[in-house]
Every structure is written in C-alpha cells, then in structure tokens.
N, C-alpha and C. Protein backbone atom coordinates (compact mmCIF):
# COMPACT_ATOMS: atom_id res chain seq x y z
N MET A 1 -6.91 14.87 -5.06
CA MET A 1 -5.91 13.93 -5.65
C MET A 1 -5.08 13.40 -4.41
N GLU A 2 -4.78 14.22 -3.48
CA GLU A 2 -3.96 13.89 -2.30
C GLU A 2 -4.73 12.83 -1.52
N ARG A 3 -5.94 12.97 -1.30
CA ARG A 3 -6.75 11.99 -0.67
C ARG A 3 -6.83 10.69 -1.35
N PHE A 4 -6.83 10.69 -2.63
CA PHE A 4 -6.82 9.58 -3.40
C PHE A 4 -5.53 8.71 -3.25
N LEU A 5 -4.41 9.38 -3.32
CA LEU A 5 -2.92 8.85 -3.09
C LEU A 5 -2.83 8.26 -1.65
N LEU A 6 -3.41 9.00 -0.66
CA LEU A 6 -3.32 8.43 0.62
C LEU A 6 -4.16 7.25 0.78
N GLY A 7 -5.34 7.15 0.24
CA GLY A 7 -6.21 6.04 0.09
C GLY A 7 -5.49 4.86 -0.50
N ILE A 8 -4.83 4.99 -1.70
CA ILE A 8 -4.15 3.98 -2.20
C ILE A 8 -3.09 3.31 -1.39
N GLN A 9 -2.43 4.38 -0.67
CA GLN A 9 -1.19 3.92 0.17
C GLN A 9 -1.84 3.08 1.35
N HIS A 10 -2.98 3.49 1.85
CA HIS A 10 -3.58 2.70 3.02
C HIS A 10 -4.19 1.40 2.46
N PHE A 11 -4.82 1.42 1.33
CA PHE A 11 -5.44 0.18 0.90
C PHE A 11 -4.42 -0.95 0.37
N PHE A 12 -3.24 -0.51 0.07
CA PHE A 12 -2.29 -1.48 -0.41
C PHE A 12 -1.15 -1.66 0.75
N ASN A 13 -1.37 -1.23 1.84
CA ASN A 13 -0.51 -1.42 3.10
C ASN A 13 -0.49 -2.95 3.29
N PRO A 14 0.72 -3.50 3.49
CA PRO A 14 0.68 -5.00 3.66
C PRO A 14 -0.07 -5.57 4.83
N LEU A 15 -0.35 -4.79 6.00
CA LEU A 15 -1.26 -5.23 6.99
C LEU A 15 -2.63 -5.30 6.53
N HIS A 16 -2.97 -4.20 5.80
CA HIS A 16 -4.28 -4.32 5.24
C HIS A 16 -4.58 -5.39 4.32
N VAL A 17 -3.58 -5.69 3.37
CA VAL A 17 -3.56 -6.78 2.52
C VAL A 17 -3.78 -8.16 3.23
N TYR A 18 -2.94 -8.20 4.28
CA TYR A 18 -3.17 -9.43 5.14
C TYR A 18 -4.57 -9.69 5.63
N CYS A 19 -5.02 -8.54 6.24
CA CYS A 19 -6.44 -8.70 6.91
C CYS A 19 -7.43 -9.04 5.75
N ARG A 20 -7.39 -8.32 4.59
CA ARG A 20 -8.27 -8.81 3.49
C ARG A 20 -8.21 -10.20 3.11
N LEU A 21 -7.01 -10.79 3.10
CA LEU A 21 -6.83 -12.14 2.77
C LEU A 21 -7.42 -13.10 3.82
N VAL A 22 -7.19 -12.65 5.04
CA VAL A 22 -7.88 -13.55 6.13
C VAL A 22 -9.45 -13.54 6.01
N GLU A 23 -9.85 -12.24 5.86
CA GLU A 23 -11.32 -12.03 5.67
C GLU A 23 -11.95 -12.95 4.45
N SER A 24 -11.13 -12.98 3.47
CA SER A 24 -11.48 -13.77 2.25
C SER A 24 -11.58 -15.33 2.46
N GLY A 25 -10.96 -15.76 3.50
CA GLY A 25 -11.03 -17.04 3.85
C GLY A 25 -9.85 -17.89 3.70
N ILE A 26 -8.63 -17.19 3.34
CA ILE A 26 -7.39 -17.80 3.22
C ILE A 26 -6.84 -17.92 4.70
N ASN A 27 -6.26 -19.09 4.94
CA ASN A 27 -5.80 -19.34 6.29
C ASN A 27 -4.69 -18.31 6.71
N ARG A 28 -4.49 -18.20 7.97
CA ARG A 28 -3.54 -17.19 8.43
C ARG A 28 -2.18 -17.42 8.07
N ARG A 29 -1.65 -18.52 8.13
CA ARG A 29 -0.30 -18.93 7.83
C ARG A 29 0.02 -18.55 6.28
N THR A 30 -0.87 -18.83 5.47
CA THR A 30 -0.70 -18.52 4.06
C THR A 30 -0.93 -17.11 3.75
N SER A 31 -1.76 -16.36 4.49
CA SER A 31 -1.81 -14.95 4.29
C SER A 31 -0.68 -14.21 4.77
N ILE A 32 -0.11 -14.66 5.83
CA ILE A 32 1.12 -14.04 6.22
C ILE A 32 2.30 -14.25 5.29
N ARG A 33 2.36 -15.43 4.74
CA ARG A 33 3.48 -15.55 3.75
C ARG A 33 3.20 -14.70 2.58
N LEU A 34 1.99 -14.66 2.07
CA LEU A 34 1.71 -13.78 0.85
C LEU A 34 1.92 -12.37 1.14
N SER A 35 1.39 -11.98 2.24
CA SER A 35 1.58 -10.54 2.59
C SER A 35 3.00 -10.20 2.80
N SER A 36 3.89 -11.05 3.36
CA SER A 36 5.28 -10.91 3.52
C SER A 36 6.04 -10.76 2.23
N TYR A 37 5.65 -11.66 1.35
CA TYR A 37 6.19 -11.46 -0.04
C TYR A 37 5.84 -10.24 -0.63
N TYR A 38 4.59 -9.82 -0.55
CA TYR A 38 4.07 -8.56 -1.17
C TYR A 38 4.83 -7.38 -0.65
N GLU A 39 5.07 -7.43 0.75
CA GLU A 39 5.78 -6.44 1.49
C GLU A 39 7.10 -6.20 0.90
N ILE A 40 7.86 -7.24 0.73
CA ILE A 40 9.18 -7.34 0.30
C ILE A 40 9.30 -6.89 -1.15
N ILE A 41 8.44 -7.46 -2.06
CA ILE A 41 8.63 -7.34 -3.52
C ILE A 41 7.85 -6.18 -4.11
N ILE A 42 6.65 -5.94 -3.75
CA ILE A 42 5.77 -5.16 -4.49
C ILE A 42 5.61 -3.69 -3.70
N PHE A 43 5.36 -3.77 -2.40
CA PHE A 43 5.08 -2.63 -1.68
C PHE A 43 6.05 -1.57 -1.72
N PRO A 44 7.45 -1.75 -1.71
CA PRO A 44 8.45 -0.77 -1.69
C PRO A 44 8.22 0.15 -2.97
N TRP A 45 7.91 -0.45 -4.00
CA TRP A 45 7.81 0.47 -5.31
C TRP A 45 6.50 1.19 -5.19
N LEU A 46 5.47 0.53 -4.73
CA LEU A 46 4.23 1.33 -4.63
C LEU A 46 4.32 2.49 -3.60
N ALA A 47 5.00 2.28 -2.45
CA ALA A 47 5.10 3.29 -1.48
C ALA A 47 6.00 4.39 -1.98
N ARG A 48 7.11 4.06 -2.61
CA ARG A 48 7.85 5.19 -3.18
C ARG A 48 7.18 5.88 -4.27
N LEU A 49 6.36 5.22 -5.09
CA LEU A 49 5.56 5.92 -6.19
C LEU A 49 4.60 7.00 -5.51
N THR A 50 3.83 6.57 -4.42
CA THR A 50 2.80 7.31 -3.87
C THR A 50 3.46 8.63 -3.00
N VAL A 51 4.67 8.34 -2.39
CA VAL A 51 5.42 9.31 -1.63
C VAL A 51 5.81 10.39 -2.64
N ASN A 52 6.46 9.91 -3.74
CA ASN A 52 6.91 10.83 -4.68
C ASN A 52 5.74 11.64 -5.42
N SER A 53 4.67 11.01 -5.63
CA SER A 53 3.53 11.69 -6.34
C SER A 53 3.04 12.69 -5.32
N LEU A 54 2.87 12.39 -3.97
CA LEU A 54 2.41 13.39 -3.02
C LEU A 54 3.32 14.62 -2.80
N SER A 55 4.59 14.26 -3.01
CA SER A 55 5.61 15.42 -2.89
C SER A 55 5.48 16.31 -4.12
N LEU A 56 5.33 15.68 -5.33
CA LEU A 56 5.19 16.61 -6.54
C LEU A 56 3.88 17.34 -6.40
N LEU A 57 2.81 16.67 -5.95
CA LEU A 57 1.47 17.33 -5.86
C LEU A 57 1.65 18.60 -4.88
N ARG A 58 2.21 18.32 -3.77
CA ARG A 58 2.28 19.34 -2.65
C ARG A 58 3.11 20.46 -3.23
N HIS A 59 4.21 20.24 -3.94
CA HIS A 59 5.19 21.26 -4.52
C HIS A 59 4.44 22.05 -5.42
N ALA A 60 3.51 21.37 -6.30
CA ALA A 60 2.99 22.05 -7.43
C ALA A 60 1.84 22.99 -6.70
N LYS A 61 1.23 22.67 -5.59
CA LYS A 61 0.20 23.50 -4.91
C LYS A 61 0.89 24.77 -4.36
N LYS A 62 2.12 24.66 -3.96
CA LYS A 62 2.83 25.82 -3.31
C LYS A 62 3.13 26.90 -4.44
N THR A 63 3.42 26.48 -5.58
CA THR A 63 3.73 27.37 -6.62
C THR A 63 2.62 27.85 -7.44
C-alpha cells in the first residue's frame, strides 16, 4: 500500500504532469500553464492526502 501511495504521489507530481502533456503533443507554453494551474489548485490537496495516508499507514504498522 505504501508503494502504491508513493506511486500516486509521483505520477501526479506537477512536473510529471507537464512532461506527459508535452509528450502527448500539447505545446510547451500551454503545458506549462496547465501544469501550473494544476500545481496551485489540485496538487496541494492530493499531496496532503497522500502524506496523511502514509503517516496513518506507517503508524498502524508500528502498533
């Protein structure tokens, strides 16, 4: 489960999103704008969720 959560965190990293947008054929300027908006609006929620989930998971393993 920990590996899965870390994979999600990597896959949805704004730089990773930018690279996938460019690879899919979207020009760089548009990709930068989209990934910037994503980084500001969506990624903080996702990052907080994965960090909290990892903390809970690691705490549960200790007990």
